[in-house]
């Protein structure tokens, strides 16, 4: 019985390792940012936040935090 529980828990842990945002894998976020800005600069805070809100459906607070962690000024 314990072996079954361990197998189920391991399967759940492995399932949790899938990417959170599949848009990053497909490149659709890059396409979206290029549509917003011809010369997108992820280090520019205004551009980064605007792209996050528009392309990743974020909100100002989380996008600002995300951009700060990515090194935007």
N, C-alpha and C. Protein backbone atom coordinates (compact mmCIF):
# COMPACT_ATOMS: atom_id res chain seq x y z
N UNK A 1 0.82 -1.19 0.00
CA UNK A 1 0.00 0.00 0.00
C UNK A 1 0.87 1.26 0.00
N UNK A 2 1.94 1.26 0.78
CA UNK A 2 2.84 2.42 0.82
C UNK A 2 3.50 2.63 -0.53
N UNK A 3 3.82 1.55 -1.22
CA UNK A 3 4.47 1.67 -2.52
C UNK A 3 3.56 2.38 -3.52
N UNK A 4 2.27 2.09 -3.46
CA UNK A 4 1.32 2.74 -4.36
C UNK A 4 1.23 4.23 -4.06
N UNK A 5 1.21 4.57 -2.79
CA UNK A 5 1.15 5.99 -2.39
C UNK A 5 2.42 6.71 -2.85
N UNK A 6 3.57 6.08 -2.69
CA UNK A 6 4.83 6.69 -3.12
C UNK A 6 4.84 6.88 -4.62
N UNK A 7 4.36 5.91 -5.38
CA UNK A 7 4.32 6.02 -6.84
C UNK A 7 3.40 7.15 -7.26
N UNK A 8 2.24 7.26 -6.62
CA UNK A 8 1.30 8.33 -6.94
C UNK A 8 1.91 9.70 -6.62
N UNK A 9 2.57 9.82 -5.49
CA UNK A 9 3.20 11.09 -5.11
C UNK A 9 4.33 11.45 -6.07
N UNK A 10 5.11 10.46 -6.50
CA UNK A 10 6.19 10.72 -7.46
C UNK A 10 5.62 11.16 -8.81
N UNK A 11 4.54 10.52 -9.23
CA UNK A 11 3.90 10.91 -10.49
C UNK A 11 3.36 12.33 -10.41
N UNK A 12 2.78 12.70 -9.27
CA UNK A 12 2.27 14.06 -9.09
C UNK A 12 3.42 15.07 -9.10
N UNK A 13 4.53 14.72 -8.48
CA UNK A 13 5.68 15.62 -8.46
C UNK A 13 6.24 15.81 -9.86
N UNK A 14 6.32 14.75 -10.64
CA UNK A 14 6.81 14.87 -12.01
C UNK A 14 5.85 15.67 -12.89
N UNK A 15 4.57 15.52 -12.67
CA UNK A 15 3.58 16.28 -13.44
C UNK A 15 3.69 17.77 -13.13
N UNK A 16 4.10 18.11 -11.93
CA UNK A 16 4.25 19.51 -11.55
C UNK A 16 5.46 20.16 -12.19
N UNK A 17 6.33 19.39 -12.82
CA UNK A 17 7.53 19.94 -13.43
C UNK A 17 7.31 20.48 -14.83
N UNK A 18 6.09 20.44 -15.33
CA UNK A 18 5.82 20.97 -16.66
C UNK A 18 5.91 22.49 -16.61
N UNK A 19 6.27 23.14 -17.72
CA UNK A 19 6.39 24.60 -17.72
C UNK A 19 5.08 25.27 -17.35
N UNK A 20 5.19 26.36 -16.60
CA UNK A 20 4.00 27.10 -16.18
C UNK A 20 3.36 27.83 -17.35
N UNK A 21 4.17 28.37 -18.20
CA UNK A 21 3.64 29.19 -19.29
C UNK A 21 4.13 28.63 -20.61
N UNK A 22 3.27 27.92 -21.30
CA UNK A 22 3.68 27.29 -22.55
C UNK A 22 3.90 28.32 -23.66
N UNK A 23 3.44 29.58 -23.45
CA UNK A 23 3.67 30.62 -24.46
C UNK A 23 5.16 30.88 -24.66
N UNK A 24 5.94 30.75 -23.60
CA UNK A 24 7.38 30.98 -23.71
C UNK A 24 8.04 29.92 -24.58
N UNK A 25 7.51 28.72 -24.56
CA UNK A 25 8.08 27.65 -25.35
C UNK A 25 7.74 27.84 -26.83
N UNK A 26 6.52 28.23 -27.11
CA UNK A 26 6.10 28.38 -28.51
C UNK A 26 6.60 29.66 -29.14
N UNK A 27 7.01 30.62 -28.33
CA UNK A 27 7.52 31.87 -28.87
C UNK A 27 6.45 32.91 -29.13
N UNK A 28 5.21 32.65 -28.74
CA UNK A 28 4.15 33.61 -29.02
C UNK A 28 4.30 34.90 -28.23
N UNK A 29 4.98 34.86 -27.08
CA UNK A 29 5.22 36.09 -26.33
C UNK A 29 6.20 36.97 -27.08
N UNK A 30 7.22 36.36 -27.67
CA UNK A 30 8.16 37.13 -28.49
C UNK A 30 7.48 37.79 -29.67
N UNK A 31 6.57 37.08 -30.29
CA UNK A 31 5.81 37.64 -31.42
C UNK A 31 4.95 38.80 -30.93
N UNK A 32 4.31 38.62 -29.78
CA UNK A 32 3.45 39.67 -29.23
C UNK A 32 4.26 40.92 -28.92
N UNK A 33 5.42 40.76 -28.30
CA UNK A 33 6.22 41.94 -27.96
C UNK A 33 6.73 42.64 -29.21
N UNK A 34 7.06 41.88 -30.26
CA UNK A 34 7.50 42.51 -31.51
C UNK A 34 6.36 43.28 -32.17
N UNK A 35 5.12 42.84 -31.95
CA UNK A 35 3.98 43.58 -32.49
C UNK A 35 3.75 44.88 -31.72
N UNK A 36 4.06 44.87 -30.43
CA UNK A 36 3.91 46.08 -29.62
C UNK A 36 5.05 47.08 -29.85
N UNK A 37 6.28 46.57 -29.89
CA UNK A 37 7.47 47.41 -30.03
C UNK A 37 8.35 46.84 -31.12
N UNK A 38 8.69 47.66 -32.08
CA UNK A 38 9.58 47.19 -33.15
C UNK A 38 10.98 46.89 -32.60
N UNK A 39 11.41 47.67 -31.62
CA UNK A 39 12.71 47.43 -30.99
C UNK A 39 12.47 47.24 -29.49
N UNK A 40 11.95 46.08 -29.11
CA UNK A 40 11.63 45.80 -27.71
C UNK A 40 12.89 45.69 -26.88
N UNK A 41 12.92 46.43 -25.77
CA UNK A 41 14.04 46.40 -24.84
C UNK A 41 13.52 45.89 -23.49
N UNK A 42 13.80 44.63 -23.14
CA UNK A 42 13.28 44.09 -21.89
C UNK A 42 13.85 44.75 -20.65
N UNK A 43 14.91 45.55 -20.79
CA UNK A 43 15.51 46.25 -19.66
C UNK A 43 14.83 47.60 -19.41
N UNK A 44 13.96 48.04 -20.34
CA UNK A 44 13.20 49.27 -20.16
C UNK A 44 11.93 48.93 -19.38
N UNK A 45 11.79 49.49 -18.18
CA UNK A 45 10.69 49.13 -17.29
C UNK A 45 9.33 49.35 -17.93
N UNK A 46 9.13 50.48 -18.61
CA UNK A 46 7.83 50.77 -19.22
C UNK A 46 7.48 49.74 -20.29
N UNK A 47 8.45 49.42 -21.14
CA UNK A 47 8.21 48.44 -22.20
C UNK A 47 7.98 47.06 -21.61
N UNK A 48 8.77 46.70 -20.63
CA UNK A 48 8.66 45.38 -20.01
C UNK A 48 7.29 45.19 -19.37
N UNK A 49 6.84 46.17 -18.59
CA UNK A 49 5.55 46.07 -17.92
C UNK A 49 4.41 46.05 -18.94
N UNK A 50 4.48 46.92 -19.94
CA UNK A 50 3.43 46.95 -20.96
C UNK A 50 3.35 45.62 -21.71
N UNK A 51 4.50 45.05 -22.03
CA UNK A 51 4.51 43.76 -22.73
C UNK A 51 3.98 42.65 -21.83
N UNK A 52 4.33 42.69 -20.57
CA UNK A 52 3.85 41.69 -19.61
C UNK A 52 2.33 41.75 -19.50
N UNK A 53 1.79 42.94 -19.38
CA UNK A 53 0.34 43.10 -19.25
C UNK A 53 -0.37 42.65 -20.53
N UNK A 54 0.15 43.07 -21.67
CA UNK A 54 -0.52 42.76 -22.94
C UNK A 54 -0.31 41.32 -23.39
N UNK A 55 0.89 40.81 -23.24
CA UNK A 55 1.23 39.51 -23.83
C UNK A 55 1.10 38.34 -22.86
N UNK A 56 1.27 38.61 -21.58
CA UNK A 56 1.22 37.54 -20.60
C UNK A 56 -0.01 37.65 -19.70
N UNK A 57 -0.88 38.61 -20.03
CA UNK A 57 -2.11 38.84 -19.28
C UNK A 57 -1.85 39.05 -17.79
N UNK A 58 -0.79 39.79 -17.49
CA UNK A 58 -0.44 40.07 -16.10
C UNK A 58 -1.13 41.32 -15.61
N UNK A 59 -0.91 41.63 -14.35
CA UNK A 59 -1.40 42.87 -13.77
C UNK A 59 -0.19 43.72 -13.41
N UNK A 60 -0.40 44.99 -13.20
CA UNK A 60 0.70 45.93 -13.00
C UNK A 60 1.64 45.49 -11.88
N UNK A 61 1.11 45.09 -10.76
CA UNK A 61 1.95 44.74 -9.62
C UNK A 61 2.86 43.55 -9.92
N UNK A 62 2.28 42.48 -10.43
CA UNK A 62 3.09 41.29 -10.70
C UNK A 62 4.05 41.52 -11.86
N UNK A 63 3.61 42.29 -12.86
CA UNK A 63 4.49 42.57 -13.99
C UNK A 63 5.66 43.45 -13.57
N UNK A 64 5.40 44.43 -12.73
CA UNK A 64 6.48 45.30 -12.24
C UNK A 64 7.50 44.46 -11.47
N UNK A 65 7.01 43.57 -10.62
CA UNK A 65 7.90 42.70 -9.85
C UNK A 65 8.69 41.79 -10.78
N UNK A 66 8.01 41.20 -11.75
CA UNK A 66 8.67 40.31 -12.70
C UNK A 66 9.76 41.04 -13.48
N UNK A 67 9.44 42.22 -13.95
CA UNK A 67 10.41 42.99 -14.73
C UNK A 67 11.60 43.42 -13.87
N UNK A 68 11.34 43.76 -12.62
CA UNK A 68 12.43 44.12 -11.71
C UNK A 68 13.36 42.92 -11.52
N UNK A 69 12.78 41.74 -11.34
CA UNK A 69 13.61 40.54 -11.17
C UNK A 69 14.38 40.19 -12.44
N UNK A 70 13.85 40.60 -13.59
CA UNK A 70 14.54 40.36 -14.86
C UNK A 70 15.61 41.42 -15.15
N UNK A 71 15.70 42.44 -14.30
CA UNK A 71 16.74 43.45 -14.44
C UNK A 71 16.32 44.72 -15.14
N UNK A 72 15.03 44.94 -15.29
CA UNK A 72 14.57 46.19 -15.92
C UNK A 72 14.73 47.36 -14.95
N UNK A 73 14.96 48.55 -15.52
CA UNK A 73 15.13 49.76 -14.70
C UNK A 73 14.07 50.76 -15.06
